[in-house]
Amino acid sequence: MQIAVLTFDGFNEIDSFVAAHILNRLRPKGWRAFITSPDQVAISMNGVVVHAERRLDFASEADAVIIGSGIKTRQIANDPALLAQIRLDPTRQLVGRNVRARCCLPNSGCSKAVLPAPT
């Protein structure tokens, strides 16, 4: 299972790093989580710099996608060009998100398919 952990500038470290760490514990079972970002580098809300392992278009190929949040979540949700790059297919992908990241889903193809689950 290939998993995209969507990570944007201003990200919350817990959303991205903990999710990727826990999911990557299942590598022996064939699971692999990747920090996925529209840019080569993302800077967290606390200044932590992370290099993307995959570009944003990987989200459309992944078997599962986790959408994190952060201090720029509303900016991301209001960026139609950025949101247009996120193409998800809830009929073949598992999609999870942090509660605050729900505003990033309306144009992604799965806003109605993802049931809210507080994290």
PDB file of N, CA and C in Angstrom:
ATOM      1  N   MET A   1       0.855  -1.176   0.000  1.00  0.00           N
ATOM      2  CA  MET A   1       0.000   0.000   0.000  1.00  0.00           C
ATOM      3  C   MET A   1       0.892   1.227   0.000  1.00  0.00           C
ATOM      4  N   GLN A   2       0.683   2.103  -0.952  1.00  0.00           N
ATOM      5  CA  GLN A   2       1.414   3.357  -1.066  1.00  0.00           C
ATOM      6  C   GLN A   2       0.520   4.467  -0.496  1.00  0.00           C
ATOM      7  N   ILE A   3       1.055   5.250   0.441  1.00  0.00           N
ATOM      8  CA  ILE A   3       0.254   6.250   1.147  1.00  0.00           C
ATOM      9  C   ILE A   3       0.879   7.629   0.997  1.00  0.00           C
ATOM     10  N   ALA A   4       0.080   8.595   0.574  1.00  0.00           N
ATOM     11  CA  ALA A   4       0.525   9.988   0.467  1.00  0.00           C
ATOM     12  C   ALA A   4       0.090  10.728   1.728  1.00  0.00           C
ATOM     13  N   VAL A   5       1.054  11.286   2.448  1.00  0.00           N
ATOM     14  CA  VAL A   5       0.761  12.112   3.612  1.00  0.00           C
ATOM     15  C   VAL A   5       0.924  13.562   3.140  1.00  0.00           C
ATOM     16  N   LEU A   6      -0.195  14.208   2.800  1.00  0.00           N
ATOM     17  CA  LEU A   6      -0.136  15.552   2.233  1.00  0.00           C
ATOM     18  C   LEU A   6       0.360  16.540   3.277  1.00  0.00           C
ATOM     19  N   THR A   7       1.434  17.224   2.919  1.00  0.00           N
ATOM     20  CA  THR A   7       2.146  18.109   3.834  1.00  0.00           C
ATOM     21  C   THR A   7       2.404  19.434   3.123  1.00  0.00           C
ATOM     22  N   PHE A   8       1.824  20.503   3.651  1.00  0.00           N
ATOM     23  CA  PHE A   8       1.932  21.827   3.037  1.00  0.00           C
ATOM     24  C   PHE A   8       2.722  22.754   3.951  1.00  0.00           C
ATOM     25  N   ASP A   9       3.192  23.875   3.398  1.00  0.00           N
ATOM     26  CA  ASP A   9       3.846  24.879   4.236  1.00  0.00           C
ATOM     27  C   ASP A   9       2.937  25.234   5.405  1.00  0.00           C
ATOM     28  N   GLY A  10       3.537  25.413   6.575  1.00  0.00           N
ATOM     29  CA  GLY A  10       2.776  25.726   7.775  1.00  0.00           C
ATOM     30  C   GLY A  10       2.158  24.495   8.415  1.00  0.00           C
ATOM     31  N   PHE A  11       2.600  23.295   7.986  1.00  0.00           N
ATOM     32  CA  PHE A  11       1.992  22.058   8.472  1.00  0.00           C
ATOM     33  C   PHE A  11       2.204  21.838   9.965  1.00  0.00           C
ATOM     34  N   ASN A  12       1.305  21.068  10.532  1.00  0.00           N
ATOM     35  CA  ASN A  12       1.404  20.639  11.920  1.00  0.00           C
ATOM     36  C   ASN A  12       2.251  19.373  11.920  1.00  0.00           C
ATOM     37  N   GLU A  13       3.360  19.386  12.640  1.00  0.00           N
ATOM     38  CA  GLU A  13       4.281  18.251  12.636  1.00  0.00           C
ATOM     39  C   GLU A  13       3.605  16.951  13.053  1.00  0.00           C
ATOM     40  N   ILE A  14       2.689  17.032  14.006  1.00  0.00           N
ATOM     41  CA  ILE A  14       2.024  15.818  14.487  1.00  0.00           C
ATOM     42  C   ILE A  14       1.235  15.163  13.359  1.00  0.00           C
ATOM     43  N   ASP A  15       0.523  15.965  12.575  1.00  0.00           N
ATOM     44  CA  ASP A  15      -0.286  15.424  11.485  1.00  0.00           C
ATOM     45  C   ASP A  15       0.564  14.632  10.495  1.00  0.00           C
ATOM     46  N   SER A  16       1.692  15.177  10.118  1.00  0.00           N
ATOM     47  CA  SER A  16       2.503  14.546   9.071  1.00  0.00           C
ATOM     48  C   SER A  16       3.471  13.503   9.612  1.00  0.00           C
ATOM     49  N   PHE A  17       4.272  13.882  10.601  1.00  0.00           N
ATOM     50  CA  PHE A  17       5.333  12.989  11.064  1.00  0.00           C
ATOM     51  C   PHE A  17       4.802  11.767  11.807  1.00  0.00           C
ATOM     52  N   VAL A  18       3.825  11.965  12.671  1.00  0.00           N
ATOM     53  CA  VAL A  18       3.293  10.819  13.424  1.00  0.00           C
ATOM     54  C   VAL A  18       2.576   9.853  12.487  1.00  0.00           C
ATOM     55  N   ALA A  19       1.773  10.394  11.582  1.00  0.00           N
ATOM     56  CA  ALA A  19       1.067   9.529  10.631  1.00  0.00           C
ATOM     57  C   ALA A  19       2.066   8.724   9.797  1.00  0.00           C
ATOM     58  N   ALA A  20       3.070   9.403   9.225  1.00  0.00           N
ATOM     59  CA  ALA A  20       4.060   8.706   8.400  1.00  0.00           C
ATOM     60  C   ALA A  20       4.829   7.680   9.220  1.00  0.00           C
ATOM     61  N   HIS A  21       5.204   8.035  10.439  1.00  0.00           N
ATOM     62  CA  HIS A  21       5.970   7.118  11.289  1.00  0.00           C
ATOM     63  C   HIS A  21       5.175   5.852  11.618  1.00  0.00           C
ATOM     64  N   ILE A  22       3.947   6.033  12.044  1.00  0.00           N
ATOM     65  CA  ILE A  22       3.131   4.867  12.414  1.00  0.00           C
ATOM     66  C   ILE A  22       2.865   3.980  11.197  1.00  0.00           C
ATOM     67  N   LEU A  23       2.501   4.585  10.078  1.00  0.00           N
ATOM     68  CA  LEU A  23       2.205   3.794   8.881  1.00  0.00           C
ATOM     69  C   LEU A  23       3.453   3.095   8.338  1.00  0.00           C
ATOM     70  N   ASN A  24       4.599   3.737   8.444  1.00  0.00           N
ATOM     71  CA  ASN A  24       5.835   3.115   7.961  1.00  0.00           C
ATOM     72  C   ASN A  24       6.306   1.963   8.837  1.00  0.00           C
ATOM     73  N   ARG A  25       5.717   1.786   9.993  1.00  0.00           N
ATOM     74  CA  ARG A  25       6.004   0.595  10.803  1.00  0.00           C
ATOM     75  C   ARG A  25       5.486  -0.668  10.104  1.00  0.00           C
ATOM     76  N   LEU A  26       4.600  -0.468   9.131  1.00  0.00           N
ATOM     77  CA  LEU A  26       4.032  -1.602   8.401  1.00  0.00           C
ATOM     78  C   LEU A  26       4.777  -1.888   7.094  1.00  0.00           C
ATOM     79  N   ARG A  27       5.969  -1.348   6.950  1.00  0.00           N
ATOM     80  CA  ARG A  27       6.756  -1.623   5.736  1.00  0.00           C
ATOM     81  C   ARG A  27       6.951  -3.119   5.488  1.00  0.00           C
ATOM     82  N   PRO A  28       7.185  -3.922   6.526  1.00  0.00           N
ATOM     83  CA  PRO A  28       7.323  -5.364   6.260  1.00  0.00           C
ATOM     84  C   PRO A  28       6.077  -5.980   5.616  1.00  0.00           C
ATOM     85  N   LYS A  29       4.940  -5.326   5.773  1.00  0.00           N
ATOM     86  CA  LYS A  29       3.688  -5.812   5.172  1.00  0.00           C
ATOM     87  C   LYS A  29       3.423  -5.161   3.818  1.00  0.00           C
ATOM     88  N   GLY A  30       4.385  -4.345   3.336  1.00  0.00           N
ATOM     89  CA  GLY A  30       4.242  -3.717   2.026  1.00  0.00           C
ATOM     90  C   GLY A  30       3.674  -2.308   2.041  1.00  0.00           C
ATOM     91  N   TRP A  31       3.472  -1.745   3.228  1.00  0.00           N
ATOM     92  CA  TRP A  31       2.956  -0.386   3.325  1.00  0.00           C
ATOM     93  C   TRP A  31       4.118   0.593   3.292  1.00  0.00           C
ATOM     94  N   ARG A  32       3.898   1.759   2.660  1.00  0.00           N
ATOM     95  CA  ARG A  32       4.928   2.797   2.627  1.00  0.00           C
ATOM     96  C   ARG A  32       4.245   4.152   2.571  1.00  0.00           C
ATOM     97  N   ALA A  33       4.520   4.987   3.571  1.00  0.00           N
ATOM     98  CA  ALA A  33       3.957   6.335   3.630  1.00  0.00           C
ATOM     99  C   ALA A  33       5.023   7.336   3.195  1.00  0.00           C
ATOM    100  N   PHE A  34       4.619   8.313   2.383  1.00  0.00           N
ATOM    101  CA  PHE A  34       5.536   9.316   1.855  1.00  0.00           C
ATOM    102  C   PHE A  34       5.049  10.718   2.205  1.00  0.00           C
ATOM    103  N   ILE A  35       5.950  11.548   2.690  1.00  0.00           N
ATOM    104  CA  ILE A  35       5.635  12.964   2.864  1.00  0.00           C
ATOM    105  C   ILE A  35       5.466  13.517   1.451  1.00  0.00           C
ATOM    106  N   THR A  36       4.297  14.041   1.171  1.00  0.00           N
ATOM    107  CA  THR A  36       3.916  14.473  -0.177  1.00  0.00           C
ATOM    108  C   THR A  36       3.558  15.953  -0.142  1.00  0.00           C
ATOM    109  N   SER A  37       4.194  16.723  -1.023  1.00  0.00           N
ATOM    110  CA  SER A  37       4.037  18.178  -0.966  1.00  0.00           C
ATOM    111  C   SER A  37       4.061  18.787  -2.362  1.00  0.00           C
ATOM    112  N   PRO A  38       3.446  19.962  -2.518  1.00  0.00           N
ATOM    113  CA  PRO A  38       3.509  20.625  -3.818  1.00  0.00           C
ATOM    114  C   PRO A  38       4.897  21.202  -4.109  1.00  0.00           C
ATOM    115  N   ASP A  39       5.701  21.390  -3.087  1.00  0.00           N
ATOM    116  CA  ASP A  39       7.042  21.944  -3.232  1.00  0.00           C
ATOM    117  C   ASP A  39       8.075  20.936  -2.763  1.00  0.00           C
ATOM    118  N   GLN A  40       9.327  21.150  -3.116  1.00  0.00           N
ATOM    119  CA  GLN A  40      10.389  20.231  -2.694  1.00  0.00           C
ATOM    120  C   GLN A  40      10.615  20.283  -1.195  1.00  0.00           C
ATOM    121  N   VAL A  41      10.324  21.434  -0.593  1.00  0.00           N
ATOM    122  CA  VAL A  41      10.528  21.628   0.840  1.00  0.00           C
ATOM    123  C   VAL A  41       9.263  22.237   1.431  1.00  0.00           C
ATOM    124  N   ALA A  42       8.887  21.772   2.618  1.00  0.00           N
ATOM    125  CA  ALA A  42       7.784  22.375   3.365  1.00  0.00           C
ATOM    126  C   ALA A  42       8.319  22.766   4.738  1.00  0.00           C
ATOM    127  N   ILE A  43       7.875  23.911   5.225  1.00  0.00           N
ATOM    128  CA  ILE A  43       8.310  24.389   6.534  1.00  0.00           C
ATOM    129  C   ILE A  43       7.107  24.354   7.465  1.00  0.00           C
ATOM    130  N   SER A  44       7.267  23.691   8.604  1.00  0.00           N
ATOM    131  CA  SER A  44       6.165  23.513   9.545  1.00  0.00           C
ATOM    132  C   SER A  44       5.807  24.816  10.246  1.00  0.00           C
ATOM    133  N   MET A  45       4.726  24.775  10.993  1.00  0.00           N
ATOM    134  CA  MET A  45       4.278  25.930  11.750  1.00  0.00           C
ATOM    135  C   MET A  45       5.284  26.333  12.822  1.00  0.00           C
ATOM    136  N   ASN A  46       6.217  25.439  13.140  1.00  0.00           N
ATOM    137  CA  ASN A  46       7.247  25.721  14.141  1.00  0.00           C
ATOM    138  C   ASN A  46       8.636  25.841  13.527  1.00  0.00           C
ATOM    139  N   GLY A  47       8.705  25.922  12.191  1.00  0.00           N
ATOM    140  CA  GLY A  47       9.980  26.135  11.532  1.00  0.00           C
ATOM    141  C   GLY A  47      10.769  24.888  11.175  1.00  0.00           C
ATOM    142  N   VAL A  48      10.186  23.717  11.352  1.00  0.00           N
ATOM    143  CA  VAL A  48      10.851  22.472  10.985  1.00  0.00           C
ATOM    144  C   VAL A  48      10.796  22.317   9.462  1.00  0.00           C
ATOM    145  N   VAL A  49      11.947  22.083   8.856  1.00  0.00           N
ATOM    146  CA  VAL A  49      12.032  21.950   7.402  1.00  0.00           C
ATOM    147  C   VAL A  49      12.032  20.467   7.039  1.00  0.00           C
ATOM    148  N   VAL A  50      11.177  20.099   6.100  1.00  0.00           N
ATOM    149  CA  VAL A  50      11.120  18.717   5.644  1.00  0.00           C
ATOM    150  C   VAL A  50      11.179  18.707   4.116  1.00  0.00           C
ATOM    151  N   HIS A  51      11.919  17.752   3.580  1.00  0.00           N
ATOM    152  CA  HIS A  51      12.001  17.583   2.129  1.00  0.00           C
ATOM    153  C   HIS A  51      10.935  16.585   1.700  1.00  0.00           C
ATOM    154  N   ALA A  52      10.193  16.944   0.685  1.00  0.00           N
ATOM    155  CA  ALA A  52       9.134  16.069   0.184  1.00  0.00           C
ATOM    156  C   ALA A  52       9.743  14.806  -0.401  1.00  0.00           C
ATOM    157  N   GLU A  53       9.120  13.676  -0.097  1.00  0.00           N
ATOM    158  CA  GLU A  53       9.538  12.406  -0.692  1.00  0.00           C
ATOM    159  C   GLU A  53       8.825  12.180  -2.015  1.00  0.00           C
ATOM    160  N   ARG A  54       7.658  12.795  -2.168  1.00  0.00           N
ATOM    161  CA  ARG A  54       6.873  12.709  -3.405  1.00  0.00           C
ATOM    162  C   ARG A  54       6.251  14.071  -3.666  1.00  0.00           C
ATOM    163  N   ARG A  55       5.997  14.335  -4.944  1.00  0.00           N
ATOM    164  CA  ARG A  55       5.318  15.571  -5.321  1.00  0.00           C
ATOM    165  C   ARG A  55       3.809  15.359  -5.196  1.00  0.00           C
ATOM    166  N   LEU A  56       3.062  16.440  -5.234  1.00  0.00           N
ATOM    167  CA  LEU A  56       1.623  16.406  -4.978  1.00  0.00           C
ATOM    168  C   LEU A  56       0.858  15.496  -5.942  1.00  0.00           C
ATOM    169  N   ASP A  57       1.314  15.364  -7.180  1.00  0.00           N
ATOM    170  CA  ASP A  57       0.600  14.508  -8.133  1.00  0.00           C
ATOM    171  C   ASP A  57       0.606  13.036  -7.727  1.00  0.00           C
ATOM    172  N   PHE A  58       1.487  12.661  -6.815  1.00  0.00           N
ATOM    173  CA  PHE A  58       1.513  11.290  -6.294  1.00  0.00           C
ATOM    174  C   PHE A  58       0.197  10.950  -5.578  1.00  0.00           C
ATOM    175  N   ALA A  59      -0.470  11.957  -5.030  1.00  0.00           N
ATOM    176  CA  ALA A  59      -1.723  11.714  -4.306  1.00  0.00           C
ATOM    177  C   ALA A  59      -2.752  11.002  -5.177  1.00  0.00           C
ATOM    178  N   SER A  60      -2.757  11.286  -6.471  1.00  0.00           N
ATOM    179  CA  SER A  60      -3.734  10.632  -7.348  1.00  0.00           C
ATOM    180  C   SER A  60      -3.396   9.172  -7.608  1.00  0.00           C
ATOM    181  N   GLU A  61      -2.139   8.792  -7.453  1.00  0.00           N
ATOM    182  CA  GLU A  61      -1.702   7.408  -7.667  1.00  0.00           C
ATOM    183  C   GLU A  61      -1.769   6.557  -6.404  1.00  0.00           C
ATOM    184  N   ALA A  62      -1.654   7.207  -5.244  1.00  0.00           N
ATOM    185  CA  ALA A  62      -1.543   6.488  -3.974  1.00  0.00           C
ATOM    186  C   ALA A  62      -2.788   5.654  -3.688  1.00  0.00           C
ATOM    187  N   ASP A  63      -2.580   4.600  -2.917  1.00  0.00           N
ATOM    188  CA  ASP A  63      -3.697   3.758  -2.488  1.00  0.00           C
ATOM    189  C   ASP A  63      -4.490   4.428  -1.371  1.00  0.00           C
ATOM    190  N   ALA A  64      -3.802   5.275  -0.624  1.00  0.00           N
ATOM    191  CA  ALA A  64      -4.432   5.999   0.481  1.00  0.00           C
ATOM    192  C   ALA A  64      -3.806   7.381   0.579  1.00  0.00           C
ATOM    193  N   VAL A  65      -4.590   8.329   1.089  1.00  0.00           N
ATOM    194  CA  VAL A  65      -4.125   9.706   1.231  1.00  0.00           C
ATOM    195  C   VAL A  65      -4.546  10.211   2.608  1.00  0.00           C
ATOM    196  N   ILE A  66      -3.597  10.820   3.303  1.00  0.00           N
ATOM    197  CA  ILE A  66      -3.892  11.467   4.578  1.00  0.00           C
ATOM    198  C   ILE A  66      -3.629  12.953   4.384  1.00  0.00           C
ATOM    199  N   ILE A  67      -4.612  13.770   4.704  1.00  0.00           N
ATOM    200  CA  ILE A  67      -4.488  15.218   4.535  1.00  0.00           C
ATOM    201  C   ILE A  67      -4.307  15.842   5.906  1.00  0.00           C
ATOM    202  N   GLY A  68      -3.154  16.469   6.096  1.00  0.00           N
ATOM    203  CA  GLY A  68      -2.861  17.125   7.363  1.00  0.00           C
ATOM    204  C   GLY A  68      -3.324  18.563   7.360  1.00  0.00           C
ATOM    205  N   SER A  69      -3.140  19.222   8.488  1.00  0.00           N
ATOM    206  CA  SER A  69      -3.519  20.625   8.588  1.00  0.00           C
ATOM    207  C   SER A  69      -2.358  21.418   9.160  1.00  0.00           C
ATOM    208  N   GLY A  70      -2.595  22.684   9.362  1.00  0.00           N
ATOM    209  CA  GLY A  70      -1.574  23.560   9.911  1.00  0.00           C
ATOM    210  C   GLY A  70      -2.060  24.990   9.920  1.00  0.00           C
ATOM    211  N   ILE A  71      -1.130  25.920  10.127  1.00  0.00           N
ATOM    212  CA  ILE A  71      -1.531  27.318  10.246  1.00  0.00           C
ATOM    213  C   ILE A  71      -1.953  27.935   8.920  1.00  0.00           C
ATOM    214  N   LYS A  72      -1.657  27.283   7.810  1.00  0.00           N
ATOM    215  CA  LYS A  72      -2.029  27.819   6.503  1.00  0.00           C
ATOM    216  C   LYS A  72      -3.156  27.026   5.833  1.00  0.00           C
ATOM    217  N   THR A  73      -3.865  26.213   6.599  1.00  0.00           N
ATOM    218  CA  THR A  73      -4.920  25.373   6.032  1.00  0.00           C
ATOM    219  C   THR A  73      -5.962  26.192   5.280  1.00  0.00           C
ATOM    220  N   ARG A  74      -6.387  27.300   5.843  1.00  0.00           N
ATOM    221  CA  ARG A  74      -7.410  28.130   5.168  1.00  0.00           C
ATOM    222  C   ARG A  74      -6.855  28.736   3.879  1.00  0.00           C
ATOM    223  N   GLN A  75      -5.592  29.150   3.871  1.00  0.00           N
ATOM    224  CA  GLN A  75      -4.974  29.670   2.648  1.00  0.00           C
ATOM    225  C   GLN A  75      -4.973  28.592   1.571  1.00  0.00           C
ATOM    226  N   ILE A  76      -4.606  27.387   1.943  1.00  0.00           N
ATOM    227  CA  ILE A  76      -4.564  26.271   0.995  1.00  0.00           C
ATOM    228  C   ILE A  76      -5.963  26.000   0.455  1.00  0.00           C
ATOM    229  N   ALA A  77      -6.952  26.025   1.346  1.00  0.00           N
ATOM    230  CA  ALA A  77      -8.338  25.767   0.944  1.00  0.00           C
ATOM    231  C   ALA A  77      -8.869  26.829  -0.007  1.00  0.00           C
ATOM    232  N   ASN A  78      -8.268  28.002   0.014  1.00  0.00           N
ATOM    233  CA  ASN A  78      -8.708  29.095  -0.861  1.00  0.00           C
ATOM    234  C   ASN A  78      -7.801  29.287  -2.067  1.00  0.00           C
ATOM    235  N   ASP A  79      -6.983  28.294  -2.363  1.00  0.00           N
ATOM    236  CA  ASP A  79      -6.069  28.359  -3.511  1.00  0.00           C
ATOM    237  C   ASP A  79      -6.542  27.365  -4.575  1.00  0.00           C
ATOM    238  N   PRO A  80      -7.393  27.823  -5.512  1.00  0.00           N
ATOM    239  CA  PRO A  80      -7.963  26.896  -6.498  1.00  0.00           C
ATOM    240  C   PRO A  80      -6.907  26.194  -7.346  1.00  0.00           C
ATOM    241  N   ALA A  81      -5.807  26.859  -7.647  1.00  0.00           N
ATOM    242  CA  ALA A  81      -4.757  26.234  -8.463  1.00  0.00           C
ATOM    243  C   ALA A  81      -4.114  25.072  -7.706  1.00  0.00           C
ATOM    244  N   LEU A  82      -3.894  25.263  -6.427  1.00  0.00           N
ATOM    245  CA  LEU A  82      -3.301  24.195  -5.613  1.00  0.00           C
ATOM    246  C   LEU A  82      -4.295  23.045  -5.443  1.00  0.00           C
ATOM    247  N   LEU A  83      -5.537  23.374  -5.119  1.00  0.00           N
ATOM    248  CA  LEU A  83      -6.545  22.328  -4.928  1.00  0.00           C
ATOM    249  C   LEU A  83      -6.805  21.542  -6.205  1.00  0.00           C
ATOM    250  N   ALA A  84      -6.672  22.186  -7.342  1.00  0.00           N
ATOM    251  CA  ALA A  84      -6.894  21.496  -8.620  1.00  0.00           C
ATOM    252  C   ALA A  84      -5.859  20.391  -8.842  1.00  0.00           C
ATOM    253  N   GLN A  85      -4.722  20.484  -8.175  1.00  0.00           N
ATOM    254  CA  GLN A  85      -3.675  19.469  -8.305  1.00  0.00           C
ATOM    255  C   GLN A  85      -3.983  18.210  -7.488  1.00  0.00           C
ATOM    256  N   ILE A  86      -4.912  18.325  -6.550  1.00  0.00           N
ATOM    257  CA  ILE A  86      -5.250  17.189  -5.678  1.00  0.00           C
ATOM    258  C   ILE A  86      -6.425  16.449  -6.291  1.00  0.00           C
ATOM    259  N   ARG A  87      -6.142  15.356  -6.968  1.00  0.00           N
ATOM    260  CA  ARG A  87      -7.176  14.552  -7.614  1.00  0.00           C
ATOM    261  C   ARG A  87      -7.279  13.223  -6.875  1.00  0.00           C
ATOM    262  N   LEU A  88      -8.373  13.052  -6.168  1.00  0.00           N
ATOM    263  CA  LEU A  88      -8.580  11.833  -5.395  1.00  0.00           C
ATOM    264  C   LEU A  88      -9.759  11.055  -5.951  1.00  0.00           C
ATOM    265  N   ASP A  89      -9.712   9.743  -5.772  1.00  0.00           N
ATOM    266  CA  ASP A  89     -10.769   8.868  -6.250  1.00  0.00           C
ATOM    267  C   ASP A  89     -11.228   7.990  -5.088  1.00  0.00           C
ATOM    268  N   PRO A  90     -12.272   8.411  -4.382  1.00  0.00           N
ATOM    269  CA  PRO A  90     -12.712   7.657  -3.206  1.00  0.00           C
ATOM    270  C   PRO A  90     -13.232   6.258  -3.526  1.00  0.00           C
ATOM    271  N   THR A  91     -13.433   5.939  -4.800  1.00  0.00           N
ATOM    272  CA  THR A  91     -13.874   4.588  -5.142  1.00  0.00           C
ATOM    273  C   THR A  91     -12.714   3.593  -5.093  1.00  0.00           C
ATOM    274  N   ARG A  92     -11.458   4.084  -5.143  1.00  0.00           N
ATOM    275  CA  ARG A  92     -10.312   3.179  -5.083  1.00  0.00           C
ATOM    276  C   ARG A  92      -9.265   3.579  -4.052  1.00  0.00           C
ATOM    277  N   GLN A  93      -9.438   4.754  -3.440  1.00  0.00           N
ATOM    278  CA  GLN A  93      -8.470   5.226  -2.458  1.00  0.00           C
ATOM    279  C   GLN A  93      -9.117   5.372  -1.081  1.00  0.00           C
ATOM    280  N   LEU A  94      -8.325   5.087  -0.054  1.00  0.00           N
ATOM    281  CA  LEU A  94      -8.730   5.420   1.301  1.00  0.00           C
ATOM    282  C   LEU A  94      -8.279   6.852   1.537  1.00  0.00           C
ATOM    283  N   VAL A  95      -9.149   7.689   2.077  1.00  0.00           N
ATOM    284  CA  VAL A  95      -8.804   9.087   2.308  1.00  0.00           C
ATOM    285  C   VAL A  95      -9.101   9.431   3.757  1.00  0.00           C
ATOM    286  N   GLY A  96      -8.091   9.962   4.436  1.00  0.00           N
ATOM    287  CA  GLY A  96      -8.246  10.404   5.821  1.00  0.00           C
ATOM    288  C   GLY A  96      -7.771  11.835   5.924  1.00  0.00           C
ATOM    289  N   ARG A  97      -8.201  12.504   6.967  1.00  0.00           N
ATOM    290  CA  ARG A  97      -7.797  13.887   7.133  1.00  0.00           C
ATOM    291  C   ARG A  97      -7.883  14.290   8.588  1.00  0.00           C
ATOM    292  N   ASN A  98      -7.133  15.323   8.904  1.00  0.00           N
ATOM    293  CA  ASN A  98      -7.259  15.966  10.193  1.00  0.00           C
ATOM    294  C   ASN A  98      -8.534  16.795  10.130  1.00  0.00           C
ATOM    295  N   VAL A  99      -9.184  17.007  11.240  1.00  0.00           N
ATOM    296  CA  VAL A  99     -10.455  17.732  11.257  1.00  0.00           C
ATOM    297  C   VAL A  99     -10.339  19.082  10.568  1.00  0.00           C
ATOM    298  N   ARG A 100      -9.285  19.830  10.816  1.00  0.00           N
ATOM    299  CA  ARG A 100      -9.148  21.159  10.212  1.00  0.00           C
ATOM    300  C   ARG A 100      -8.888  21.085   8.714  1.00  0.00           C
ATOM    301  N   ALA A 101      -8.441  19.955   8.218  1.00  0.00           N
ATOM    302  CA  ALA A 101      -8.131  19.826   6.788  1.00  0.00           C
ATOM    303  C   ALA A 101      -9.370  19.580   5.938  1.00  0.00           C
ATOM    304  N   ARG A 102     -10.536  19.500   6.546  1.00  0.00           N
ATOM    305  CA  ARG A 102     -11.757  19.225   5.776  1.00  0.00           C
ATOM    306  C   ARG A 102     -12.023  20.282   4.722  1.00  0.00           C
ATOM    307  N   CYS A 103     -11.560  21.509   4.955  1.00  0.00           N
ATOM    308  CA  CYS A 103     -11.827  22.574   3.982  1.00  0.00           C
ATOM    309  C   CYS A 103     -10.991  22.411   2.717  1.00  0.00           C
ATOM    310  N   CYS A 104     -10.039  21.478   2.707  1.00  0.00           N
ATOM    311  CA  CYS A 104      -9.226  21.244   1.513  1.00  0.00           C
ATOM    312  C   CYS A 104      -9.872  20.244   0.564  1.00  0.00           C
ATOM    313  N   LEU A 105     -10.984  19.667   0.945  1.00  0.00           N
ATOM    314  CA  LEU A 105     -11.577  18.594   0.162  1.00  0.00           C
ATOM    315  C   LEU A 105     -12.624  18.976  -0.882  1.00  0.00           C
ATOM    316  N   PRO A 106     -13.277  20.116  -0.816  1.00  0.00           N
ATOM    317  CA  PRO A 106     -14.411  20.349  -1.715  1.00  0.00           C
ATOM    318  C   PRO A 106     -14.163  20.082  -3.189  1.00  0.00           C
ATOM    319  N   ASN A 107     -13.019  20.421  -3.721  1.00  0.00           N
ATOM    320  CA  ASN A 107     -12.773  20.233  -5.147  1.00  0.00           C
ATOM    321  C   ASN A 107     -11.890  19.031  -5.447  1.00  0.00           C
ATOM    322  N   SER A 108     -11.637  18.219  -4.439  1.00  0.00           N
ATOM    323  CA  SER A 108     -10.705  17.106  -4.620  1.00  0.00           C
ATOM    324  C   SER A 108     -11.371  15.862  -5.186  1.00  0.00           C
ATOM    325  N   GLY A 109     -12.684  15.839  -5.237  1.00  0.00           N
ATOM    326  CA  GLY A 109     -13.382  14.675  -5.752  1.00  0.00           C
ATOM    327  C   GLY A 109     -13.901  13.766  -4.656  1.00  0.00           C
ATOM    328  N   CYS A 110     -13.707  14.144  -3.409  1.00  0.00           N
ATOM    329  CA  CYS A 110     -14.184  13.240  -2.361  1.00  0.00           C
ATOM    330  C   CYS A 110     -14.775  13.960  -1.160  1.00  0.00           C
ATOM    331  N   SER A 111     -15.215  15.169  -1.306  1.00  0.00           N
ATOM    332  CA  SER A 111     -15.739  15.886  -0.158  1.00  0.00           C
ATOM    333  C   SER A 111     -16.936  15.186   0.476  1.00  0.00           C
ATOM    334  N   LYS A 112     -17.770  14.560  -0.312  1.00  0.00           N
ATOM    335  CA  LYS A 112     -18.934  13.879   0.228  1.00  0.00           C
ATOM    336  C   LYS A 112     -18.644  12.421   0.577  1.00  0.00           C
ATOM    337  N   ALA A 113     -17.534  11.910   0.065  1.00  0.00           N
ATOM    338  CA  ALA A 113     -17.221  10.509   0.307  1.00  0.00           C
ATOM    339  C   ALA A 113     -16.472  10.292   1.618  1.00  0.00           C
ATOM    340  N   VAL A 114     -15.871  11.335   2.156  1.00  0.00           N
ATOM    341  CA  VAL A 114     -15.073  11.201   3.377  1.00  0.00           C
ATOM    342  C   VAL A 114     -15.943  11.536   4.572  1.00  0.00           C
ATOM    343  N   LEU A 115     -16.112  10.571   5.438  1.00  0.00           N
ATOM    344  CA  LEU A 115     -16.892  10.803   6.655  1.00  0.00           C
ATOM    345  C   LEU A 115     -16.002  11.427   7.716  1.00  0.00           C
ATOM    346  N   PRO A 116     -16.491  12.414   8.458  1.00  0.00           N
ATOM    347  CA  PRO A 116     -15.664  13.040   9.468  1.00  0.00           C
ATOM    348  C   PRO A 116     -15.307  12.069  10.587  1.00  0.00           C
ATOM    349  N   ALA A 117     -14.060  12.117  10.992  1.00  0.00           N
ATOM    350  CA  ALA A 117     -13.579  11.313  12.102  1.00  0.00           C
ATOM    351  C   ALA A 117     -12.556  12.150  12.849  1.00  0.00           C
ATOM    352  N   PRO A 118     -12.913  12.709  13.993  1.00  0.00           N
ATOM    353  CA  PRO A 118     -11.979  13.561  14.727  1.00  0.00           C
ATOM    354  C   PRO A 118     -10.669  12.837  15.021  1.00  0.00           C
ATOM    355  N   THR A 119      -9.577  13.582  14.910  1.00  0.00           N
ATOM    356  CA  THR A 119      -8.251  13.013  15.202  1.00  0.00           C
ATOM    357  C   THR A 119      -7.622  13.725  16.361  1.00  0.00           C
TER     358      THR A 119
END
